[in-house]
Structures are given as C-alpha cells and as structure tokens.
Amino acid sequence: MKQRQDRHKAKPPTLFLTCEHAGNEVPRAYRELFSKSPAILETHRGWDPGAFKIASELSKISRAPFYFTKVSR
C-alpha cells in the first residue's frame, strides 16, 4: 500500500511570472494609430509603470521563470 501512495504523491505546483504591459513600445505597423496622440503612451493607458520592477523582484525572490514584453497592449 505504501508504494501506491508514493507513486501518487502530489507534486508542488509550478510557478512562473508574466508581465505583459511592462513598456509602451508600439510595433511599427501600428505607430501611425498613435501619431495624433503620442502622449497617451506615456500614461497608464500606454503601460503599467512599476509592473516590470515588481514582477522582476518577485521572480528573483521566488526563483520563478519570468516572461515579459515591453510592447503596449
């Protein structure tokens, strides 16, 4: 019976962190859409200020893989 329990032992969950809004870069194909109001990219609507730093630090503390993009959503 013990052998069966060991085989079905629960594994710890895997953790990874993402930060999809770490910057305000706009792909070349879409830059024209912002030509009349480029200042909007500098606001919270263009990116999440501080998000990259927080996610990066959490990744270091937890030793979790960290994936990010600096392209504005």
N, C-alpha and C. Protein backbone atom coordinates (compact mmCIF):
# COMPACT_ATOMS: atom_id res chain seq x y z
N MET A 1 0.82 -1.21 0.00
CA MET A 1 0.00 0.00 0.00
C MET A 1 0.86 1.26 0.00
N LYS A 2 1.94 1.26 0.75
CA LYS A 2 2.80 2.44 0.81
C LYS A 2 3.37 2.77 -0.56
N GLN A 3 3.71 1.78 -1.33
CA GLN A 3 4.26 2.01 -2.66
C GLN A 3 3.27 2.79 -3.52
N ARG A 4 2.01 2.46 -3.42
CA ARG A 4 0.99 3.15 -4.21
C ARG A 4 0.87 4.62 -3.80
N GLN A 5 0.93 4.91 -2.51
CA GLN A 5 0.85 6.29 -2.03
C GLN A 5 2.01 7.12 -2.55
N ASP A 6 3.22 6.58 -2.53
CA ASP A 6 4.39 7.31 -3.02
C ASP A 6 4.26 7.63 -4.51
N ARG A 7 3.73 6.69 -5.26
CA ARG A 7 3.61 6.88 -6.70
C ARG A 7 2.62 8.00 -7.02
N HIS A 8 1.63 8.19 -6.17
CA HIS A 8 0.60 9.20 -6.41
C HIS A 8 0.82 10.45 -5.55
N LYS A 9 2.01 10.59 -5.04
CA LYS A 9 2.33 11.74 -4.20
C LYS A 9 2.17 13.02 -5.02
N ALA A 10 1.56 14.00 -4.41
CA ALA A 10 1.32 15.27 -5.10
C ALA A 10 2.63 16.01 -5.33
N LYS A 11 2.76 16.62 -6.51
CA LYS A 11 3.93 17.43 -6.83
C LYS A 11 3.61 18.89 -6.52
N PRO A 12 4.62 19.65 -6.10
CA PRO A 12 4.36 21.07 -5.84
C PRO A 12 3.99 21.77 -7.15
N PRO A 13 3.14 22.77 -7.07
CA PRO A 13 2.75 23.49 -8.29
C PRO A 13 3.94 24.23 -8.89
N THR A 14 3.93 24.38 -10.18
CA THR A 14 4.96 25.13 -10.88
C THR A 14 4.51 26.58 -10.99
N LEU A 15 5.41 27.49 -10.72
CA LEU A 15 5.09 28.91 -10.76
C LEU A 15 5.93 29.59 -11.83
N PHE A 16 5.31 30.44 -12.61
CA PHE A 16 6.05 31.33 -13.49
C PHE A 16 5.33 32.66 -13.50
N LEU A 17 6.07 33.73 -13.71
CA LEU A 17 5.51 35.07 -13.67
C LEU A 17 5.55 35.71 -15.05
N THR A 18 4.52 36.50 -15.34
CA THR A 18 4.47 37.23 -16.60
C THR A 18 4.18 38.70 -16.34
N CYS A 19 4.62 39.52 -17.25
CA CYS A 19 4.34 40.95 -17.19
C CYS A 19 4.12 41.40 -18.64
N GLU A 20 2.88 41.45 -19.05
CA GLU A 20 2.54 41.73 -20.44
C GLU A 20 2.49 43.21 -20.78
N HIS A 21 2.56 44.06 -19.82
CA HIS A 21 2.38 45.50 -20.06
C HIS A 21 3.54 46.28 -19.43
N ALA A 22 4.77 45.75 -19.61
CA ALA A 22 5.95 46.31 -18.96
C ALA A 22 6.53 47.52 -19.67
N GLY A 23 6.01 47.86 -20.81
CA GLY A 23 6.54 49.00 -21.56
C GLY A 23 5.49 49.60 -22.47
N ASN A 24 5.88 50.63 -23.18
CA ASN A 24 4.93 51.32 -24.05
C ASN A 24 5.38 51.36 -25.51
N GLU A 25 6.17 50.39 -25.90
CA GLU A 25 6.61 50.31 -27.29
C GLU A 25 5.44 49.90 -28.18
N VAL A 26 5.41 50.45 -29.38
CA VAL A 26 4.35 50.14 -30.34
C VAL A 26 5.01 49.56 -31.60
N PRO A 27 4.56 48.41 -32.06
CA PRO A 27 5.13 47.85 -33.29
C PRO A 27 4.98 48.84 -34.45
N ARG A 28 5.94 48.83 -35.33
CA ARG A 28 5.99 49.76 -36.46
C ARG A 28 4.67 49.79 -37.23
N ALA A 29 4.05 48.65 -37.43
CA ALA A 29 2.80 48.57 -38.20
C ALA A 29 1.66 49.36 -37.57
N TYR A 30 1.74 49.66 -36.26
CA TYR A 30 0.65 50.34 -35.56
C TYR A 30 1.00 51.75 -35.09
N ARG A 31 2.21 52.19 -35.32
CA ARG A 31 2.64 53.51 -34.83
C ARG A 31 1.80 54.65 -35.37
N GLU A 32 1.34 54.53 -36.58
CA GLU A 32 0.52 55.60 -37.19
C GLU A 32 -0.76 55.83 -36.38
N LEU A 33 -1.28 54.80 -35.75
CA LEU A 33 -2.50 54.94 -34.96
C LEU A 33 -2.32 55.88 -33.77
N PHE A 34 -1.08 56.09 -33.35
CA PHE A 34 -0.80 56.94 -32.20
C PHE A 34 -0.18 58.27 -32.61
N SER A 35 -0.09 58.54 -33.89
CA SER A 35 0.59 59.75 -34.37
C SER A 35 -0.07 61.05 -33.90
N LYS A 36 -1.37 61.04 -33.68
CA LYS A 36 -2.07 62.26 -33.24
C LYS A 36 -2.10 62.42 -31.73
N SER A 37 -1.79 61.37 -31.01
CA SER A 37 -1.82 61.45 -29.55
C SER A 37 -0.72 60.57 -28.93
N PRO A 38 0.54 60.85 -29.23
CA PRO A 38 1.62 60.02 -28.69
C PRO A 38 1.75 60.10 -27.17
N ALA A 39 1.28 61.19 -26.57
CA ALA A 39 1.40 61.35 -25.12
C ALA A 39 0.62 60.29 -24.35
N ILE A 40 -0.39 59.72 -24.97
CA ILE A 40 -1.18 58.69 -24.28
C ILE A 40 -0.33 57.48 -23.92
N LEU A 41 0.72 57.23 -24.71
CA LEU A 41 1.59 56.09 -24.43
C LEU A 41 2.42 56.29 -23.17
N GLU A 42 2.54 57.52 -22.72
CA GLU A 42 3.30 57.81 -21.50
C GLU A 42 2.43 57.68 -20.25
N THR A 43 1.14 57.47 -20.42
CA THR A 43 0.23 57.35 -19.27
C THR A 43 -0.01 55.87 -18.95
N HIS A 44 -0.80 55.64 -17.93
CA HIS A 44 -1.16 54.28 -17.53
C HIS A 44 -1.92 53.55 -18.65
N ARG A 45 -2.49 54.26 -19.56
CA ARG A 45 -3.19 53.63 -20.69
C ARG A 45 -2.19 53.03 -21.67
N GLY A 46 -0.95 53.51 -21.65
CA GLY A 46 0.08 53.01 -22.56
C GLY A 46 0.93 51.90 -21.97
N TRP A 47 1.03 51.88 -20.62
CA TRP A 47 1.82 50.85 -19.95
C TRP A 47 1.53 50.88 -18.46
N ASP A 48 2.06 49.93 -17.73
CA ASP A 48 1.88 49.88 -16.27
C ASP A 48 3.21 50.24 -15.60
N PRO A 49 3.38 51.52 -15.25
CA PRO A 49 4.63 51.92 -14.59
C PRO A 49 4.85 51.11 -13.32
N GLY A 50 6.04 50.58 -13.17
CA GLY A 50 6.37 49.81 -11.97
C GLY A 50 6.08 48.33 -12.08
N ALA A 51 5.28 47.90 -13.03
CA ALA A 51 4.91 46.49 -13.14
C ALA A 51 6.13 45.60 -13.40
N PHE A 52 7.01 46.05 -14.28
CA PHE A 52 8.20 45.26 -14.59
C PHE A 52 9.08 45.07 -13.35
N LYS A 53 9.30 46.15 -12.63
CA LYS A 53 10.17 46.08 -11.45
C LYS A 53 9.59 45.12 -10.40
N ILE A 54 8.31 45.22 -10.16
CA ILE A 54 7.66 44.35 -9.17
C ILE A 54 7.74 42.89 -9.61
N ALA A 55 7.37 42.61 -10.85
CA ALA A 55 7.38 41.23 -11.34
C ALA A 55 8.80 40.67 -11.35
N SER A 56 9.77 41.50 -11.72
CA SER A 56 11.16 41.06 -11.74
C SER A 56 11.65 40.69 -10.33
N GLU A 57 11.32 41.51 -9.36
CA GLU A 57 11.71 41.23 -7.97
C GLU A 57 11.02 39.97 -7.44
N LEU A 58 9.74 39.81 -7.74
CA LEU A 58 9.03 38.60 -7.32
C LEU A 58 9.66 37.36 -7.94
N SER A 59 10.09 37.47 -9.17
CA SER A 59 10.75 36.35 -9.84
C SER A 59 12.05 35.98 -9.13
N LYS A 60 12.81 36.98 -8.75
CA LYS A 60 14.07 36.71 -8.03
C LYS A 60 13.81 36.05 -6.69
N ILE A 61 12.85 36.58 -5.95
CA ILE A 61 12.54 36.05 -4.62
C ILE A 61 12.04 34.61 -4.70
N SER A 62 11.17 34.35 -5.66
CA SER A 62 10.55 33.03 -5.78
C SER A 62 11.34 32.06 -6.65
N ARG A 63 12.35 32.60 -7.34
CA ARG A 63 13.15 31.81 -8.29
C ARG A 63 12.29 31.23 -9.41
N ALA A 64 11.24 31.94 -9.73
CA ALA A 64 10.33 31.52 -10.79
C ALA A 64 10.78 32.12 -12.12
N PRO A 65 10.58 31.39 -13.21
CA PRO A 65 10.88 31.97 -14.53
C PRO A 65 10.03 33.22 -14.76
N PHE A 66 10.58 34.17 -15.48
CA PHE A 66 9.92 35.46 -15.69
C PHE A 66 9.87 35.77 -17.18
N TYR A 67 8.68 36.03 -17.68
CA TYR A 67 8.47 36.37 -19.08
C TYR A 67 7.80 37.73 -19.16
N PHE A 68 8.28 38.57 -20.06
CA PHE A 68 7.70 39.91 -20.17
C PHE A 68 7.79 40.41 -21.60
N THR A 69 7.00 41.43 -21.85
CA THR A 69 7.08 42.14 -23.12
C THR A 69 6.95 43.63 -22.82
N LYS A 70 7.66 44.42 -23.59
CA LYS A 70 7.59 45.86 -23.40
C LYS A 70 6.74 46.51 -24.48
N VAL A 71 5.95 45.71 -25.16
CA VAL A 71 5.03 46.22 -26.18
C VAL A 71 3.72 46.60 -25.50
N SER A 72 3.22 47.79 -25.80
CA SER A 72 1.96 48.25 -25.23
C SER A 72 0.82 47.37 -25.73
N ARG A 73 -0.14 47.16 -24.88
CA ARG A 73 -1.29 46.39 -25.32
C ARG A 73 -2.34 47.33 -25.83
